[in-house]
C-alpha atoms as a PDB file:
ATOM      1  CA  MET A   1      -5.809   3.179  -3.358  1.00  0.00           C
ATOM      2  CA  PRO A   2      -6.255   3.929   0.324  1.00  0.00           C
ATOM      3  CA  GLY A   3      -7.645   7.541   0.825  1.00  0.00           C
ATOM      4  CA  ASP A   4      -6.179  10.816   0.467  1.00  0.00           C
ATOM      5  CA  VAL A   5      -3.884  12.267   2.675  1.00  0.00           C
ATOM      6  CA  PRO A   6      -5.148  14.749   5.025  1.00  0.00           C
ATOM      7  CA  LYS A   7      -4.571  18.852   3.966  1.00  0.00           C
ATOM      8  CA  LEU A   8      -1.118  19.623   4.177  1.00  0.00           C
ATOM      9  CA  LEU A   9       0.366  22.099   6.724  1.00  0.00           C
ATOM     10  CA  SER A  10       2.558  24.897   6.382  1.00  0.00           C
ATOM     11  CA  PRO A  11       5.727  25.493   4.971  1.00  0.00           C
ATOM     12  CA  TRP A  12       4.378  21.993   2.436  1.00  0.00           C
ATOM     13  CA  ARG A  13       1.280  23.908   1.098  1.00  0.00           C
ATOM     14  CA  GLU A  14       3.041  26.916   0.288  1.00  0.00           C
ATOM     15  CA  PHE A  15       6.039  24.980  -1.904  1.00  0.00           C
ATOM     16  CA  LEU A  16       4.084  22.710  -3.238  1.00  0.00           C
ATOM     17  CA  ALA A  17       1.174  25.044  -4.491  1.00  0.00           C
ATOM     18  CA  GLU A  18       3.711  27.347  -5.866  1.00  0.00           C
ATOM     19  CA  LEU A  19       4.889  24.004  -8.007  1.00  0.00           C
ATOM     20  CA  ASP A  20       1.699  23.300  -9.057  1.00  0.00           C
ATOM     21  CA  ALA A  21       1.184  26.728 -10.333  1.00  0.00           C
ATOM     22  CA  ILE A  22       4.390  26.500 -12.637  1.00  0.00           C
ATOM     23  CA  LEU A  23       3.205  23.653 -14.198  1.00  0.00           C
ATOM     24  CA  ARG A  24       1.996  23.579 -17.471  1.00  0.00           C
ATOM     25  CA  GLU A  25       0.628  19.814 -17.749  1.00  0.00           C
ATOM     26  CA  PRO A  26       0.350  17.383 -15.350  1.00  0.00           C
ATOM     27  CA  LEU A  27       3.986  16.160 -13.142  1.00  0.00           C
ATOM     28  CA  VAL A  28       3.318  12.779 -10.634  1.00  0.00           C
ATOM     29  CA  VAL A  29       5.933  12.112  -8.569  1.00  0.00           C
ATOM     30  CA  HIS A  30       6.552   9.248  -6.253  1.00  0.00           C
ATOM     31  CA  CYS A  31       7.669  10.513  -2.588  1.00  0.00           C
ATOM     32  CA  ILE A  32       9.427   7.978   0.019  1.00  0.00           C
ATOM     33  CA  GLY A  33      11.412   9.152   2.858  1.00  0.00           C
ATOM     34  CA  ARG A  34      10.696  11.765   5.585  1.00  0.00           C
ATOM     35  CA  PHE A  35       8.650  13.782   3.709  1.00  0.00           C
ATOM     36  CA  VAL A  36       6.132  10.279   3.747  1.00  0.00           C
ATOM     37  CA  VAL A  37       7.191   9.494   7.296  1.00  0.00           C
ATOM     38  CA  THR A  38       5.918  13.055   8.475  1.00  0.00           C
ATOM     39  CA  VAL A  39       3.087  14.216   6.349  1.00  0.00           C
ATOM     40  CA  VAL A  40       1.469  10.554   5.478  1.00  0.00           C
ATOM     41  CA  TYR A  41       2.175   9.065   8.571  1.00  0.00           C
ATOM     42  CA  GLY A  42       2.315  12.018  10.925  1.00  0.00           C
ATOM     43  CA  LEU A  43       5.244  10.410  12.746  1.00  0.00           C
ATOM     44  CA  PRO A  44       7.447  13.230  14.144  1.00  0.00           C
ATOM     45  CA  ARG A  45      10.612  13.150  11.791  1.00  0.00           C
ATOM     46  CA  PRO A  46      11.096  16.534  10.359  1.00  0.00           C
ATOM     47  CA  THR A  47      12.768  17.337   6.970  1.00  0.00           C
ATOM     48  CA  GLY A  48      13.722  20.039   4.275  1.00  0.00           C
ATOM     49  CA  ASP A  49      13.533  18.568   1.288  1.00  0.00           C
ATOM     50  CA  ILE A  50      10.924  15.659  -0.266  1.00  0.00           C
ATOM     51  CA  ASP A  51      12.376  12.521  -1.270  1.00  0.00           C
ATOM     52  CA  TYR A  52      10.973  10.909  -4.518  1.00  0.00           C
ATOM     53  CA  TYR A  53      11.770   7.862  -6.466  1.00  0.00           C
ATOM     54  CA  THR A  54      10.608   9.362  -9.926  1.00  0.00           C
ATOM     55  CA  ALA A  55       8.931  12.423 -11.408  1.00  0.00           C
ATOM     56  CA  ILE A  56       6.518  11.505 -14.570  1.00  0.00           C
ATOM     57  CA  PRO A  57       7.152  12.964 -17.273  1.00  0.00           C
ATOM     58  CA  ASN A  58      10.644  12.811 -16.842  1.00  0.00           C
ATOM     59  CA  SER A  59      11.182  15.845 -19.722  1.00  0.00           C
ATOM     60  CA  PHE A  60      10.255  18.158 -16.646  1.00  0.00           C
ATOM     61  CA  ASP A  61      13.219  18.559 -14.580  1.00  0.00           C
ATOM     62  CA  ILE A  62      11.719  18.900 -11.070  1.00  0.00           C
ATOM     63  CA  GLN A  63      15.522  20.052 -10.121  1.00  0.00           C
ATOM     64  CA  GLN A  64      15.871  23.346 -11.495  1.00  0.00           C
ATOM     65  CA  VAL A  65      12.184  24.003 -10.476  1.00  0.00           C
ATOM     66  CA  ALA A  66      12.229  22.328  -7.265  1.00  0.00           C
ATOM     67  CA  GLY A  67      15.464  21.492  -6.238  1.00  0.00           C
ATOM     68  CA  PRO A  68      18.177  22.565  -3.786  1.00  0.00           C
ATOM     69  CA  LYS A  69      19.535  25.738  -5.902  1.00  0.00           C
ATOM     70  CA  SER A  70      16.685  26.222  -7.942  1.00  0.00           C
ATOM     71  CA  ARG A  71      14.362  29.773  -6.592  1.00  0.00           C
ATOM     72  CA  LEU A  72      11.496  28.148  -5.094  1.00  0.00           C
ATOM     73  CA  THR A  73      14.109  26.782  -2.539  1.00  0.00           C
ATOM     74  CA  LYS A  74      15.301  30.439  -1.539  1.00  0.00           C
ATOM     75  CA  ASN A  75      12.139  31.163  -0.938  1.00  0.00           C
ATOM     76  CA  ARG A  76      10.475  28.376   1.089  1.00  0.00           C
ATOM     77  CA  LYS A  77      13.649  26.435   2.196  1.00  0.00           C
ATOM     78  CA  ILE A  78      12.237  22.989   1.096  1.00  0.00           C
ATOM     79  CA  TYR A  79      13.610  21.082  -2.071  1.00  0.00           C
ATOM     80  CA  PHE A  80      13.008  17.905  -3.868  1.00  0.00           C
ATOM     81  CA  HIS A  81      15.819  15.810  -3.464  1.00  0.00           C
ATOM     82  CA  ARG A  82      15.636  12.445  -5.874  1.00  0.00           C
ATOM     83  CA  VAL A  83      16.958   9.175  -4.499  1.00  0.00           C
ATOM     84  CA  THR A  84      18.683   7.381  -6.713  1.00  0.00           C
ATOM     85  CA  VAL A  85      19.325   4.402  -4.438  1.00  0.00           C
ATOM     86  CA  ASN A  86      16.496   2.384  -2.665  1.00  0.00           C
ATOM     87  CA  ASN A  87      15.227  -0.646  -1.681  1.00  0.00           C
ATOM     88  CA  MET A  88      11.953   0.074  -3.801  1.00  0.00           C
ATOM     89  CA  ARG A  89      10.979  -3.631  -6.340  1.00  0.00           C
ATOM     90  CA  ASP A  90      10.781  -2.913 -10.215  1.00  0.00           C
ATOM     91  CA  ASP A  91       7.397  -2.937 -10.075  1.00  0.00           C
ATOM     92  CA  TYR A  92       6.363  -0.998  -7.110  1.00  0.00           C
ATOM     93  CA  GLU A  93       3.396   1.543  -9.006  1.00  0.00           C
ATOM     94  CA  THR A  94       1.451  -1.779  -9.653  1.00  0.00           C
ATOM     95  CA  ALA A  95       2.715  -3.633  -6.744  1.00  0.00           C
ATOM     96  CA  TYR A  96       1.918  -1.176  -3.430  1.00  0.00           C
ATOM     97  CA  PRO A  97      -1.227   0.240  -2.819  1.00  0.00           C
ATOM     98  CA  LYS A  98      -0.770   4.056  -2.721  1.00  0.00           C
ATOM     99  CA  TYR A  99      -1.425   7.376  -1.071  1.00  0.00           C
ATOM    100  CA  SER A 100      -2.407  10.548  -3.236  1.00  0.00           C
ATOM    101  CA  LEU A 101      -1.573  13.835  -1.948  1.00  0.00           C
ATOM    102  CA  ALA A 102      -4.419  15.553  -3.382  1.00  0.00           C
ATOM    103  CA  GLY A 103      -5.513  19.114  -3.743  1.00  0.00           C
ATOM    104  CA  PHE A 104      -3.780  20.307  -6.568  1.00  0.00           C
ATOM    105  CA  LYS A 105      -4.157  20.972 -10.427  1.00  0.00           C
ATOM    106  CA  SER A 106      -1.362  19.366 -12.050  1.00  0.00           C
ATOM    107  CA  LEU A 107       1.396  18.577  -9.373  1.00  0.00           C
ATOM    108  CA  HIS A 108      -0.209  14.482  -8.597  1.00  0.00           C
ATOM    109  CA  LEU A 109       1.913  13.052  -5.405  1.00  0.00           C
ATOM    110  CA  TYR A 110       2.521   9.567  -4.185  1.00  0.00           C
ATOM    111  CA  ALA A 111       3.486   7.618  -1.201  1.00  0.00           C
ATOM    112  CA  PRO A 112       3.430   4.091  -1.068  1.00  0.00           C
ATOM    113  CA  GLU A 113       1.939   1.720   1.641  1.00  0.00           C
ATOM    114  CA  PRO A 114       3.739   0.298   3.792  1.00  0.00           C
ATOM    115  CA  ARG A 115       4.771  -3.325   3.247  1.00  0.00           C
END
């Protein structure tokens, strides 16, 4: 992996820490979009959501727990948004190196390295 992303700032840190505390098993989320551009690459593209391509295991309903209508969102004003249309390769998990957003016990966020 290219390396860990610098420490997350507010309000992302609190939102993600609260989600992490709710989790009973590991959850891997492959993030894309403005969240990645803002947090990972440091570009000024503010956003109120975390776009993601996939969440594993898919048996965990991330939309119910941290989606637009969730209690977590009402408290933090941030939410997860599943992106269903994108141009990711089918083998993106092995084809692209990933940045890890470190620092959580059960929540594992990854962002693809730009190509």
